[in-house]
Structure formats: C-alpha cells, structure tokens
C-alpha cells in the first residue's frame, strides 16, 4: 500500500499490526480503515469495536482484502461491515473473473473480464442481496456452476465499505489490475466521496 500511496500521491498510509492503535480518538485522523490479510478473532476490546463501527457509520470508509472476510466471526457487526464471512477456497488456480460493474471507481477500466491465478474464496452466505457486486468468478473457468461474488461495495450508515476477495498471492498485490482496484476502492470509500 505504501507503494500505491507513493505512486498516486492521493493518500498517505499508516500501517500497523498493533491493535492498540485503533481507538475512537486515533480513527478521527483517518478517512479509510483498511484490513489487509487479517485473520481470526482479533482481540479488539468492546470500546474498539464500537469505535470501528462508529467510524464507518459516521461517514468513514472501510476496505477489506482477501482474508479480511476470514476475521472476527464472533462479531456480527463486522460481518455486516465486510458483507460476508469466508467459507472455503475450493480453487487455487488460473481462472476468469467477470467484471459486473465497469463504471465503479474500483473497476473502471478493467474491461469485461480478466484472467488471474488466485486462491478463490466462497462465502458462508452469498452477499449479493445486500451489496453491489463488482466482480464474480466465472464458474465455467473452474469447471463449476453457481454464483461466486469476489468483490463488492455497499453503504454502511453514512459510510462506505468495500471488500475484495483477491489478494492471496504477492503476485496479485503486484498486479496493476489489483492495485487499480484498491486505489479506486479507497477513492470511493473516502468521506469526500460520501457527500
């Protein structure tokens, strides 16, 4: 993310693995909270959980990538924020991703579809009824059938939340198409876009 910040010069990044850095006071200095490759039951206090929810509902942005959906299963508000919880990853291979909405800031310019090697997720419940799906897996490309959303966006109170299931491999993070999606998602989620 720091390299994207340096390239775009549109935003600055403060990265941390210290949960103690998250508080109602600290979040006032940020526009977007990004969970990148988190996993498991993070030991947030009740006050920290309230601060995260309040940050987004008051107009802040949330972006999650890949295993952000494999995080905080025991906190239903987080599940609603992300949009769905991880179920399994039945396909780790090259496959085709369909771009459902080419006009969104996170997907503009990607074209109708692209091929990528990735660990593709499925989810406990299909998020489609409650979110705007931006990307989905082409099931034929993995010799399957069904509906497999991969990236989506939705409103959360006065804020915005975006999730992208791609990002298992470092090669994905280095892929200009994925970088474009993240930059677009940050632009879209930032409070200046919410007004």
N, C-alpha and C. Protein backbone atom coordinates (compact mmCIF):
# COMPACT_ATOMS: atom_id res chain seq x y z
N UNK A 1 0.82 -1.21 0.00
CA UNK A 1 0.00 0.00 0.00
C UNK A 1 0.86 1.26 0.00
N UNK A 2 1.98 1.20 0.66
CA UNK A 2 2.85 2.37 0.69
C UNK A 2 3.31 2.74 -0.72
N UNK A 3 3.57 1.71 -1.55
CA UNK A 3 4.00 2.00 -2.92
C UNK A 3 2.87 2.64 -3.72
N UNK A 4 1.63 2.21 -3.48
CA UNK A 4 0.50 2.84 -4.16
C UNK A 4 0.33 4.28 -3.73
N UNK A 5 0.54 4.51 -2.45
CA UNK A 5 0.48 5.88 -1.94
C UNK A 5 1.53 6.75 -2.61
N UNK A 6 2.73 6.22 -2.75
CA UNK A 6 3.80 6.98 -3.38
C UNK A 6 3.53 7.22 -4.86
N UNK A 7 2.93 6.22 -5.51
CA UNK A 7 2.66 6.34 -6.94
C UNK A 7 1.55 7.33 -7.22
N UNK A 8 0.45 7.24 -6.47
CA UNK A 8 -0.70 8.10 -6.75
C UNK A 8 -0.57 9.49 -6.13
N UNK A 9 0.10 9.56 -4.99
CA UNK A 9 0.22 10.80 -4.22
C UNK A 9 -1.15 11.37 -3.83
N UNK A 10 -2.15 10.50 -3.78
CA UNK A 10 -3.50 10.92 -3.42
C UNK A 10 -3.79 10.70 -1.94
N UNK A 11 -3.04 9.80 -1.32
CA UNK A 11 -3.31 9.48 0.08
C UNK A 11 -2.02 9.02 0.74
N UNK A 12 -2.02 9.06 2.05
CA UNK A 12 -0.90 8.54 2.82
C UNK A 12 -1.37 7.29 3.57
N UNK A 13 -0.45 6.42 3.87
CA UNK A 13 -0.77 5.16 4.52
C UNK A 13 -0.04 5.08 5.85
N UNK A 14 -0.79 4.72 6.89
CA UNK A 14 -0.21 4.38 8.18
C UNK A 14 -0.53 2.93 8.43
N UNK A 15 0.47 2.07 8.43
CA UNK A 15 0.21 0.65 8.62
C UNK A 15 0.67 0.21 10.01
N UNK A 16 -0.07 -0.74 10.56
CA UNK A 16 0.26 -1.25 11.88
C UNK A 16 -0.30 -2.64 12.07
N UNK A 17 0.35 -3.42 12.90
CA UNK A 17 -0.19 -4.70 13.35
C UNK A 17 -0.54 -4.62 14.83
N UNK A 18 -0.45 -3.42 15.39
CA UNK A 18 -0.74 -3.20 16.81
C UNK A 18 -2.21 -2.82 16.98
N UNK A 19 -3.00 -3.73 17.53
CA UNK A 19 -4.42 -3.44 17.71
C UNK A 19 -4.66 -2.24 18.62
N UNK A 20 -3.72 -1.99 19.51
CA UNK A 20 -3.88 -0.87 20.45
C UNK A 20 -3.92 0.48 19.73
N UNK A 21 -3.50 0.51 18.47
CA UNK A 21 -3.51 1.76 17.70
C UNK A 21 -4.93 2.16 17.28
N UNK A 22 -5.88 1.23 17.40
CA UNK A 22 -7.26 1.50 16.98
C UNK A 22 -8.05 2.01 18.18
N UNK A 23 -8.56 3.23 18.05
CA UNK A 23 -9.41 3.81 19.09
C UNK A 23 -10.28 4.88 18.45
N UNK A 24 -11.29 5.31 19.18
CA UNK A 24 -12.16 6.37 18.67
C UNK A 24 -11.33 7.62 18.38
N UNK A 25 -10.38 7.93 19.24
CA UNK A 25 -9.55 9.12 19.06
C UNK A 25 -8.62 8.97 17.86
N UNK A 26 -7.95 7.83 17.75
CA UNK A 26 -6.99 7.67 16.65
C UNK A 26 -7.69 7.65 15.29
N UNK A 27 -8.87 7.07 15.22
CA UNK A 27 -9.57 6.97 13.93
C UNK A 27 -10.01 8.32 13.39
N UNK A 28 -10.12 9.32 14.25
CA UNK A 28 -10.52 10.65 13.76
C UNK A 28 -9.49 11.23 12.80
N UNK A 29 -8.27 10.71 12.83
CA UNK A 29 -7.24 11.21 11.94
C UNK A 29 -7.17 10.51 10.59
N UNK A 30 -8.14 9.62 10.32
CA UNK A 30 -8.11 8.84 9.09
C UNK A 30 -9.42 8.94 8.33
N UNK A 31 -9.35 8.67 7.03
CA UNK A 31 -10.53 8.65 6.18
C UNK A 31 -11.02 7.23 5.91
N UNK A 32 -10.06 6.29 5.81
CA UNK A 32 -10.39 4.91 5.46
C UNK A 32 -9.61 3.96 6.36
N UNK A 33 -10.30 2.94 6.86
CA UNK A 33 -9.68 1.86 7.63
C UNK A 33 -9.58 0.66 6.71
N UNK A 34 -8.38 0.12 6.53
CA UNK A 34 -8.13 -0.97 5.58
C UNK A 34 -7.64 -2.20 6.35
N UNK A 35 -8.42 -3.30 6.27
CA UNK A 35 -7.99 -4.57 6.84
C UNK A 35 -7.39 -5.39 5.70
N UNK A 36 -6.07 -5.54 5.70
CA UNK A 36 -5.37 -6.27 4.66
C UNK A 36 -4.81 -7.56 5.24
N UNK A 37 -5.31 -8.69 4.78
CA UNK A 37 -4.80 -10.00 5.17
C UNK A 37 -4.88 -10.25 6.67
N UNK A 38 -5.94 -9.80 7.29
CA UNK A 38 -6.20 -10.14 8.68
C UNK A 38 -6.77 -11.55 8.74
N UNK A 39 -6.82 -12.13 9.91
CA UNK A 39 -7.40 -13.47 10.05
C UNK A 39 -7.67 -13.76 11.52
N UNK A 40 -8.72 -14.51 11.77
CA UNK A 40 -9.01 -14.96 13.13
C UNK A 40 -9.73 -13.93 13.98
N UNK A 41 -9.81 -14.23 15.26
CA UNK A 41 -10.53 -13.38 16.21
C UNK A 41 -9.57 -12.34 16.80
N UNK A 42 -9.46 -11.22 16.15
CA UNK A 42 -8.59 -10.14 16.64
C UNK A 42 -9.10 -9.66 17.99
N UNK A 43 -8.19 -9.40 18.90
CA UNK A 43 -8.55 -9.11 20.29
C UNK A 43 -8.91 -7.64 20.51
N UNK A 44 -9.90 -7.17 19.74
CA UNK A 44 -10.39 -5.82 19.96
C UNK A 44 -11.24 -5.78 21.23
N UNK A 45 -11.10 -4.71 22.00
CA UNK A 45 -11.95 -4.51 23.17
C UNK A 45 -13.33 -4.06 22.70
N UNK A 46 -14.34 -4.12 23.58
CA UNK A 46 -15.65 -3.60 23.21
C UNK A 46 -15.60 -2.14 22.77
N UNK A 47 -14.78 -1.32 23.42
CA UNK A 47 -14.65 0.09 23.03
C UNK A 47 -14.06 0.22 21.63
N UNK A 48 -13.09 -0.62 21.30
CA UNK A 48 -12.50 -0.57 19.96
C UNK A 48 -13.50 -1.00 18.90
N UNK A 49 -14.28 -2.01 19.20
CA UNK A 49 -15.31 -2.45 18.25
C UNK A 49 -16.32 -1.35 18.01
N UNK A 50 -16.73 -0.70 19.08
CA UNK A 50 -17.67 0.43 18.95
C UNK A 50 -17.05 1.54 18.12
N UNK A 51 -15.76 1.81 18.34
CA UNK A 51 -15.07 2.87 17.61
C UNK A 51 -15.04 2.57 16.11
N UNK A 52 -14.78 1.32 15.75
CA UNK A 52 -14.73 0.95 14.33
C UNK A 52 -16.10 1.12 13.69
N UNK A 53 -17.14 0.61 14.34
CA UNK A 53 -18.49 0.74 13.79
C UNK A 53 -18.88 2.21 13.69
N UNK A 54 -18.63 2.98 14.74
CA UNK A 54 -18.98 4.40 14.72
C UNK A 54 -18.21 5.17 13.65
N UNK A 55 -16.95 4.80 13.45
CA UNK A 55 -16.13 5.46 12.43
C UNK A 55 -16.78 5.34 11.06
N UNK A 56 -17.22 4.13 10.71
CA UNK A 56 -17.80 3.93 9.39
C UNK A 56 -19.22 4.49 9.32
N UNK A 57 -20.05 4.23 10.33
CA UNK A 57 -21.43 4.71 10.27
C UNK A 57 -21.50 6.23 10.24
N UNK A 58 -20.48 6.89 10.78
CA UNK A 58 -20.45 8.35 10.78
C UNK A 58 -19.91 8.94 9.47
N UNK A 59 -19.51 8.08 8.54
CA UNK A 59 -19.07 8.58 7.24
C UNK A 59 -17.69 8.15 6.81
N UNK A 60 -16.99 7.38 7.64
CA UNK A 60 -15.67 6.90 7.27
C UNK A 60 -15.76 5.74 6.28
N UNK A 61 -14.62 5.34 5.76
CA UNK A 61 -14.58 4.26 4.80
C UNK A 61 -13.92 3.03 5.37
N UNK A 62 -14.32 1.86 4.86
CA UNK A 62 -13.71 0.59 5.22
C UNK A 62 -13.38 -0.14 3.94
N UNK A 63 -12.15 -0.68 3.86
CA UNK A 63 -11.74 -1.53 2.75
C UNK A 63 -11.15 -2.80 3.35
N UNK A 64 -11.56 -3.94 2.83
CA UNK A 64 -11.02 -5.23 3.26
C UNK A 64 -10.53 -6.02 2.07
N UNK A 65 -9.43 -6.74 2.24
CA UNK A 65 -8.90 -7.57 1.16
C UNK A 65 -8.68 -9.00 1.64
N UNK A 66 -9.00 -9.92 0.76
CA UNK A 66 -8.80 -11.36 0.91
C UNK A 66 -9.26 -11.86 2.28
N UNK A 67 -8.34 -12.21 3.17
CA UNK A 67 -8.75 -12.86 4.42
C UNK A 67 -9.37 -11.91 5.44
N UNK A 68 -9.62 -10.67 5.05
CA UNK A 68 -10.42 -9.79 5.92
C UNK A 68 -11.80 -10.41 6.17
N UNK A 69 -12.26 -11.27 5.26
CA UNK A 69 -13.54 -11.97 5.47
C UNK A 69 -13.38 -13.22 6.32
N UNK A 70 -12.14 -13.58 6.64
CA UNK A 70 -11.84 -14.73 7.49
C UNK A 70 -11.41 -14.22 8.88
N UNK A 71 -12.12 -13.22 9.33
CA UNK A 71 -11.73 -12.46 10.52
C UNK A 71 -12.96 -12.14 11.35
N UNK A 72 -12.84 -12.22 12.66
CA UNK A 72 -13.86 -11.73 13.60
C UNK A 72 -15.23 -12.36 13.39
N UNK A 73 -15.25 -13.69 13.29
CA UNK A 73 -16.52 -14.42 13.11
C UNK A 73 -17.47 -14.23 14.29
N UNK A 74 -16.94 -13.94 15.45
CA UNK A 74 -17.79 -13.81 16.63
C UNK A 74 -18.31 -12.38 16.84
N UNK A 75 -18.11 -11.54 15.85
CA UNK A 75 -18.57 -10.14 15.93
C UNK A 75 -19.47 -9.86 14.73
N UNK A 76 -20.79 -10.05 14.88
CA UNK A 76 -21.71 -9.92 13.75
C UNK A 76 -21.66 -8.55 13.05
N UNK A 77 -21.43 -7.48 13.80
CA UNK A 77 -21.34 -6.16 13.16
C UNK A 77 -20.21 -6.12 12.14
N UNK A 78 -19.12 -6.81 12.43
CA UNK A 78 -18.01 -6.84 11.48
C UNK A 78 -18.42 -7.63 10.23
N UNK A 79 -19.12 -8.72 10.43
CA UNK A 79 -19.61 -9.48 9.29
C UNK A 79 -20.49 -8.65 8.38
N UNK A 80 -21.34 -7.83 8.97
CA UNK A 80 -22.19 -6.94 8.17
C UNK A 80 -21.36 -5.88 7.47
N UNK A 81 -20.31 -5.41 8.14
CA UNK A 81 -19.43 -4.40 7.54
C UNK A 81 -18.70 -4.97 6.33
N UNK A 82 -18.11 -6.15 6.47
CA UNK A 82 -17.40 -6.77 5.36
C UNK A 82 -18.37 -7.22 4.27
N UNK A 83 -19.52 -7.73 4.66
CA UNK A 83 -20.53 -8.15 3.70
C UNK A 83 -20.75 -9.65 3.65
N UNK A 84 -19.76 -10.44 4.08
CA UNK A 84 -19.90 -11.91 4.12
C UNK A 84 -18.68 -12.48 4.82
N UNK A 85 -18.85 -13.66 5.39
CA UNK A 85 -17.74 -14.38 6.00
C UNK A 85 -17.26 -15.50 5.07
N UNK A 86 -15.96 -15.69 5.06
CA UNK A 86 -15.30 -16.75 4.29
C UNK A 86 -15.87 -18.12 4.66
N UNK A 87 -16.03 -18.97 3.64
CA UNK A 87 -16.44 -20.36 3.86
C UNK A 87 -15.29 -21.31 3.54
N UNK A 88 -14.79 -21.25 2.29
CA UNK A 88 -13.70 -22.13 1.87
C UNK A 88 -13.04 -21.57 0.62
N UNK A 89 -11.90 -22.17 0.25
CA UNK A 89 -11.25 -21.78 -1.00
C UNK A 89 -11.02 -23.03 -1.85
N UNK A 90 -12.05 -23.42 -2.60
CA UNK A 90 -12.00 -24.68 -3.34
C UNK A 90 -11.11 -24.65 -4.58
N UNK A 91 -10.75 -23.46 -5.06
CA UNK A 91 -9.96 -23.38 -6.28
C UNK A 91 -8.77 -22.46 -6.08
N UNK A 92 -7.58 -22.99 -6.25
CA UNK A 92 -6.36 -22.18 -6.30
C UNK A 92 -5.73 -22.48 -7.65
N UNK A 93 -5.97 -21.58 -8.58
CA UNK A 93 -5.60 -21.84 -9.97
C UNK A 93 -5.82 -20.58 -10.81
N UNK A 94 -5.53 -20.69 -12.08
CA UNK A 94 -5.87 -19.63 -13.02
C UNK A 94 -7.36 -19.73 -13.33
N UNK A 95 -8.05 -18.61 -13.29
CA UNK A 95 -9.48 -18.60 -13.60
C UNK A 95 -9.86 -17.22 -14.12
N UNK A 96 -11.08 -17.14 -14.61
CA UNK A 96 -11.58 -15.90 -15.20
C UNK A 96 -12.47 -15.16 -14.21
N UNK A 97 -12.23 -13.87 -14.07
CA UNK A 97 -13.04 -13.00 -13.23
C UNK A 97 -13.89 -12.12 -14.14
N UNK A 98 -15.19 -12.09 -13.87
CA UNK A 98 -16.13 -11.28 -14.64
C UNK A 98 -16.32 -9.95 -13.90
N UNK A 99 -16.22 -8.85 -14.63
CA UNK A 99 -16.44 -7.52 -14.07
C UNK A 99 -17.91 -7.17 -14.27
N UNK A 100 -18.68 -7.20 -13.20
CA UNK A 100 -20.12 -6.94 -13.32
C UNK A 100 -20.44 -5.47 -13.50
N UNK A 101 -19.69 -4.61 -12.85
CA UNK A 101 -19.94 -3.17 -12.94
C UNK A 101 -18.65 -2.49 -13.35
N UNK A 102 -18.58 -2.08 -14.60
CA UNK A 102 -17.37 -1.46 -15.12
C UNK A 102 -17.32 0.04 -14.86
N UNK A 103 -18.36 0.60 -14.25
CA UNK A 103 -18.40 2.04 -14.01
C UNK A 103 -17.97 2.43 -12.60
N UNK A 104 -17.85 1.47 -11.70
CA UNK A 104 -17.46 1.78 -10.32
C UNK A 104 -16.00 2.23 -10.29
N UNK A 105 -15.66 3.09 -9.35
CA UNK A 105 -14.29 3.58 -9.24
C UNK A 105 -13.28 2.45 -9.08
N UNK A 106 -13.67 1.36 -8.46
CA UNK A 106 -12.75 0.25 -8.23
C UNK A 106 -12.57 -0.65 -9.45
N UNK A 107 -13.48 -0.57 -10.41
CA UNK A 107 -13.42 -1.49 -11.54
C UNK A 107 -13.33 -0.79 -12.89
N UNK A 108 -13.43 0.51 -12.90
CA UNK A 108 -13.39 1.28 -14.14
C UNK A 108 -12.09 0.99 -14.88
N UNK A 109 -12.21 0.60 -16.14
CA UNK A 109 -11.03 0.35 -16.96
C UNK A 109 -10.54 -1.08 -16.95
N UNK A 110 -11.18 -1.97 -16.17
CA UNK A 110 -10.74 -3.36 -16.13
C UNK A 110 -11.23 -4.17 -17.32
N UNK A 111 -12.22 -3.66 -18.04
CA UNK A 111 -12.81 -4.43 -19.12
C UNK A 111 -13.88 -5.36 -18.60
N UNK A 112 -14.38 -6.23 -19.46
CA UNK A 112 -15.48 -7.12 -19.10
C UNK A 112 -15.04 -8.30 -18.25
N UNK A 113 -13.77 -8.72 -18.41
CA UNK A 113 -13.27 -9.87 -17.66
C UNK A 113 -11.76 -9.87 -17.71
N UNK A 114 -11.15 -10.61 -16.78
CA UNK A 114 -9.71 -10.79 -16.81
C UNK A 114 -9.37 -12.14 -16.20
N UNK A 115 -8.19 -12.63 -16.51
CA UNK A 115 -7.73 -13.94 -16.03
C UNK A 115 -6.62 -13.71 -15.02
N UNK A 116 -6.67 -14.45 -13.91
CA UNK A 116 -5.68 -14.30 -12.86
C UNK A 116 -5.49 -15.63 -12.12
N UNK A 117 -4.30 -15.85 -11.61
CA UNK A 117 -4.04 -17.00 -10.74
C UNK A 117 -4.30 -16.54 -9.31
N UNK A 118 -5.19 -17.23 -8.61
CA UNK A 118 -5.59 -16.76 -7.28
C UNK A 118 -6.15 -17.92 -6.47
N UNK A 119 -6.23 -17.72 -5.17
CA UNK A 119 -6.95 -18.61 -4.27
C UNK A 119 -8.37 -18.03 -4.16
N UNK A 120 -9.31 -18.66 -4.84
CA UNK A 120 -10.65 -18.10 -4.94
C UNK A 120 -11.52 -18.55 -3.76
N UNK A 121 -12.14 -17.58 -3.13
CA UNK A 121 -12.99 -17.81 -1.96
C UNK A 121 -14.43 -18.07 -2.35
N UNK A 122 -15.11 -18.85 -1.50
CA UNK A 122 -16.57 -18.86 -1.44
C UNK A 122 -16.94 -18.40 -0.03
N UNK A 123 -18.21 -18.07 0.16
CA UNK A 123 -18.64 -17.43 1.40
C UNK A 123 -19.81 -18.18 2.04
N UNK A 124 -19.94 -18.03 3.35
CA UNK A 124 -20.97 -18.74 4.09
C UNK A 124 -22.36 -18.41 3.58
N UNK A 125 -22.56 -17.16 3.21
CA UNK A 125 -23.81 -16.73 2.59
C UNK A 125 -23.46 -15.85 1.41
N UNK A 126 -24.23 -15.95 0.35
CA UNK A 126 -23.99 -15.10 -0.81
C UNK A 126 -24.28 -13.65 -0.43
N UNK A 127 -23.31 -12.75 -0.59
CA UNK A 127 -23.53 -11.36 -0.17
C UNK A 127 -24.42 -10.57 -1.12
N UNK A 128 -24.70 -11.11 -2.30
CA UNK A 128 -25.37 -10.35 -3.36
C UNK A 128 -26.63 -9.60 -2.91
N UNK A 129 -27.51 -10.17 -2.09
CA UNK A 129 -28.73 -9.43 -1.73
C UNK A 129 -28.48 -8.11 -1.00
N UNK A 130 -27.33 -7.98 -0.32
CA UNK A 130 -27.11 -6.78 0.48
C UNK A 130 -26.01 -5.85 0.01
N UNK A 131 -25.39 -6.18 -1.13
CA UNK A 131 -24.27 -5.38 -1.61
C UNK A 131 -24.37 -5.17 -3.12
N UNK A 132 -23.52 -4.31 -3.64
CA UNK A 132 -23.38 -4.14 -5.08
C UNK A 132 -22.19 -4.99 -5.51
N UNK A 133 -22.44 -6.10 -6.18
CA UNK A 133 -21.36 -6.97 -6.60
C UNK A 133 -20.63 -6.33 -7.78
N UNK A 134 -19.30 -6.28 -7.67
CA UNK A 134 -18.47 -5.67 -8.70
C UNK A 134 -17.74 -6.72 -9.54
N UNK A 135 -17.28 -7.79 -8.89
CA UNK A 135 -16.58 -8.88 -9.56
C UNK A 135 -17.20 -10.20 -9.13
N UNK A 136 -17.20 -11.16 -10.06
CA UNK A 136 -17.59 -12.52 -9.71
C UNK A 136 -16.70 -13.50 -10.47
N UNK A 137 -16.56 -14.67 -9.93
CA UNK A 137 -15.82 -15.72 -10.59
C UNK A 137 -16.67 -16.30 -11.71
N UNK A 138 -16.07 -16.51 -12.88
CA UNK A 138 -16.75 -17.24 -13.95
C UNK A 138 -16.69 -18.72 -13.59
N UNK A 139 -17.80 -19.32 -13.20
CA UNK A 139 -17.74 -20.71 -12.70
C UNK A 139 -17.26 -21.70 -13.75
N UNK A 140 -17.52 -21.42 -15.02
CA UNK A 140 -17.07 -22.34 -16.07
C UNK A 140 -15.55 -22.43 -16.12
N UNK A 141 -14.87 -21.36 -15.71
CA UNK A 141 -13.40 -21.36 -15.76
C UNK A 141 -12.78 -22.25 -14.69
N UNK A 142 -13.61 -22.68 -13.72
CA UNK A 142 -13.13 -23.63 -12.70
C UNK A 142 -13.97 -24.92 -12.75
N UNK A 143 -14.64 -25.11 -13.88
CA UNK A 143 -15.45 -26.31 -14.12
C UNK A 143 -16.49 -26.51 -13.02
N UNK A 144 -17.20 -25.41 -12.73
CA UNK A 144 -18.24 -25.45 -11.69
C UNK A 144 -19.47 -24.71 -12.20
N UNK A 145 -20.41 -24.51 -11.32
CA UNK A 145 -21.59 -23.71 -11.63
C UNK A 145 -21.97 -22.97 -10.35
N UNK A 146 -22.75 -21.93 -10.49
CA UNK A 146 -23.19 -21.17 -9.32
C UNK A 146 -22.77 -19.71 -9.41
N UNK A 147 -23.06 -18.98 -8.36
CA UNK A 147 -22.79 -17.55 -8.28
C UNK A 147 -21.73 -17.32 -7.22
N UNK A 148 -20.58 -16.79 -7.62
CA UNK A 148 -19.46 -16.61 -6.70
C UNK A 148 -18.95 -15.17 -6.74
N UNK A 149 -19.61 -14.26 -6.02
CA UNK A 149 -19.11 -12.88 -5.95
C UNK A 149 -17.70 -12.85 -5.36
N UNK A 150 -16.87 -11.94 -5.88
CA UNK A 150 -15.50 -11.80 -5.41
C UNK A 150 -15.17 -10.41 -4.86
N UNK A 151 -15.87 -9.40 -5.34
CA UNK A 151 -15.65 -8.04 -4.82
C UNK A 151 -16.97 -7.31 -4.83
N UNK A 152 -17.17 -6.47 -3.82
CA UNK A 152 -18.44 -5.76 -3.72
C UNK A 152 -18.27 -4.48 -2.91
N UNK A 153 -19.32 -3.68 -2.96
CA UNK A 153 -19.34 -2.41 -2.23
C UNK A 153 -20.74 -2.19 -1.69
N UNK A 154 -20.81 -1.47 -0.57
CA UNK A 154 -22.13 -1.14 -0.02
C UNK A 154 -22.02 0.01 0.96
N UNK A 155 -23.15 0.62 1.22
CA UNK A 155 -23.21 1.69 2.22
C UNK A 155 -23.32 1.05 3.60
N UNK A 156 -22.75 1.75 4.59
CA UNK A 156 -22.83 1.28 5.97
C UNK A 156 -23.06 2.52 6.82
N UNK A 157 -24.31 2.76 7.19
CA UNK A 157 -24.64 4.04 7.81
C UNK A 157 -24.37 5.14 6.80
N UNK A 158 -23.65 6.18 7.23
CA UNK A 158 -23.27 7.25 6.30
C UNK A 158 -21.94 6.97 5.62
N UNK A 159 -21.32 5.82 5.95
CA UNK A 159 -20.04 5.47 5.37
C UNK A 159 -20.17 4.45 4.26
N UNK A 160 -19.01 4.02 3.78
CA UNK A 160 -18.97 3.07 2.68
C UNK A 160 -17.99 1.95 2.99
N UNK A 161 -18.34 0.74 2.55
CA UNK A 161 -17.49 -0.42 2.77
C UNK A 161 -17.27 -1.16 1.45
N UNK A 162 -16.03 -1.60 1.25
CA UNK A 162 -15.63 -2.32 0.04
C UNK A 162 -14.84 -3.55 0.46
N UNK A 163 -15.08 -4.65 -0.23
CA UNK A 163 -14.33 -5.87 0.04
C UNK A 163 -13.92 -6.51 -1.28
N UNK A 164 -12.69 -7.05 -1.31
CA UNK A 164 -12.18 -7.76 -2.48
C UNK A 164 -11.55 -9.07 -2.01
N UNK A 165 -12.04 -10.20 -2.52
CA UNK A 165 -11.55 -11.50 -2.09
C UNK A 165 -10.21 -11.88 -2.71
N UNK A 166 -9.77 -11.15 -3.72
CA UNK A 166 -8.47 -11.43 -4.31
C UNK A 166 -7.37 -10.98 -3.35
N UNK A 167 -6.15 -11.44 -3.59
CA UNK A 167 -5.03 -10.96 -2.79
C UNK A 167 -4.28 -12.02 -2.01
N UNK A 168 -4.46 -13.29 -2.37
CA UNK A 168 -3.75 -14.34 -1.63
C UNK A 168 -2.25 -14.32 -1.93
N UNK A 169 -1.91 -14.11 -3.18
CA UNK A 169 -0.51 -14.17 -3.60
C UNK A 169 0.11 -12.78 -3.70
N UNK A 170 1.40 -12.71 -3.43
CA UNK A 170 2.10 -11.43 -3.60
C UNK A 170 2.04 -10.98 -5.05
N UNK A 171 1.97 -11.94 -5.98
CA UNK A 171 1.86 -11.57 -7.39
C UNK A 171 0.56 -10.82 -7.67
N UNK A 172 -0.49 -11.12 -6.90
CA UNK A 172 -1.75 -10.37 -7.06
C UNK A 172 -1.57 -8.94 -6.59
N UNK A 173 -0.90 -8.76 -5.45
CA UNK A 173 -0.68 -7.41 -4.93
C UNK A 173 0.21 -6.60 -5.86
N UNK A 174 1.06 -7.27 -6.63
CA UNK A 174 1.92 -6.58 -7.59
C UNK A 174 1.24 -6.35 -8.93
N UNK A 175 0.07 -6.96 -9.13
CA UNK A 175 -0.65 -6.88 -10.40
C UNK A 175 -1.30 -5.49 -10.54
N UNK A 176 -1.00 -4.75 -11.61
CA UNK A 176 -1.58 -3.41 -11.78
C UNK A 176 -3.11 -3.41 -11.75
N UNK A 177 -3.73 -4.49 -12.17
CA UNK A 177 -5.20 -4.55 -12.16
C UNK A 177 -5.73 -4.58 -10.73
N UNK A 178 -5.05 -5.31 -9.86
CA UNK A 178 -5.47 -5.36 -8.46
C UNK A 178 -5.15 -4.03 -7.78
N UNK A 179 -4.01 -3.48 -8.05
CA UNK A 179 -3.64 -2.19 -7.48
C UNK A 179 -4.65 -1.11 -7.88
N UNK A 180 -5.07 -1.15 -9.14
CA UNK A 180 -6.07 -0.20 -9.63
C UNK A 180 -7.37 -0.34 -8.84
N UNK A 181 -7.76 -1.59 -8.55
CA UNK A 181 -8.99 -1.81 -7.80
C UNK A 181 -8.89 -1.23 -6.39
N UNK A 182 -7.75 -1.44 -5.74
CA UNK A 182 -7.58 -0.94 -4.37
C UNK A 182 -7.57 0.58 -4.33
N UNK A 183 -6.86 1.19 -5.25
CA UNK A 183 -6.83 2.66 -5.29
C UNK A 183 -8.24 3.20 -5.54
N UNK A 184 -8.94 2.59 -6.49
CA UNK A 184 -10.31 3.03 -6.76
C UNK A 184 -11.23 2.82 -5.57
N UNK A 185 -11.04 1.72 -4.85
CA UNK A 185 -11.86 1.45 -3.67
C UNK A 185 -11.60 2.48 -2.58
N UNK A 186 -10.34 2.85 -2.38
CA UNK A 186 -10.01 3.87 -1.38
C UNK A 186 -10.62 5.21 -1.77
N UNK A 187 -10.51 5.55 -3.04
CA UNK A 187 -11.14 6.80 -3.51
C UNK A 187 -12.63 6.78 -3.23
N UNK A 188 -13.28 5.65 -3.56
CA UNK A 188 -14.72 5.54 -3.40
C UNK A 188 -15.14 5.58 -1.94
N UNK A 189 -14.36 4.91 -1.08
CA UNK A 189 -14.73 4.81 0.33
C UNK A 189 -14.44 6.06 1.14
N UNK A 190 -13.54 6.88 0.67
CA UNK A 190 -13.14 8.08 1.42
C UNK A 190 -14.33 9.01 1.62
N UNK A 191 -14.40 9.66 2.77
CA UNK A 191 -15.55 10.52 3.08
C UNK A 191 -15.84 11.59 2.03
N UNK A 192 -14.84 12.09 1.35
CA UNK A 192 -15.07 13.12 0.33
C UNK A 192 -15.99 12.61 -0.78
N UNK A 193 -16.02 11.28 -0.99
CA UNK A 193 -16.89 10.67 -1.99
C UNK A 193 -18.29 10.40 -1.43
N UNK A 194 -18.44 10.45 -0.12
CA UNK A 194 -19.71 10.09 0.51
C UNK A 194 -20.71 11.21 0.53
N UNK A 195 -20.28 12.38 0.17
CA UNK A 195 -21.17 13.53 0.27
C UNK A 195 -21.91 13.79 -1.03
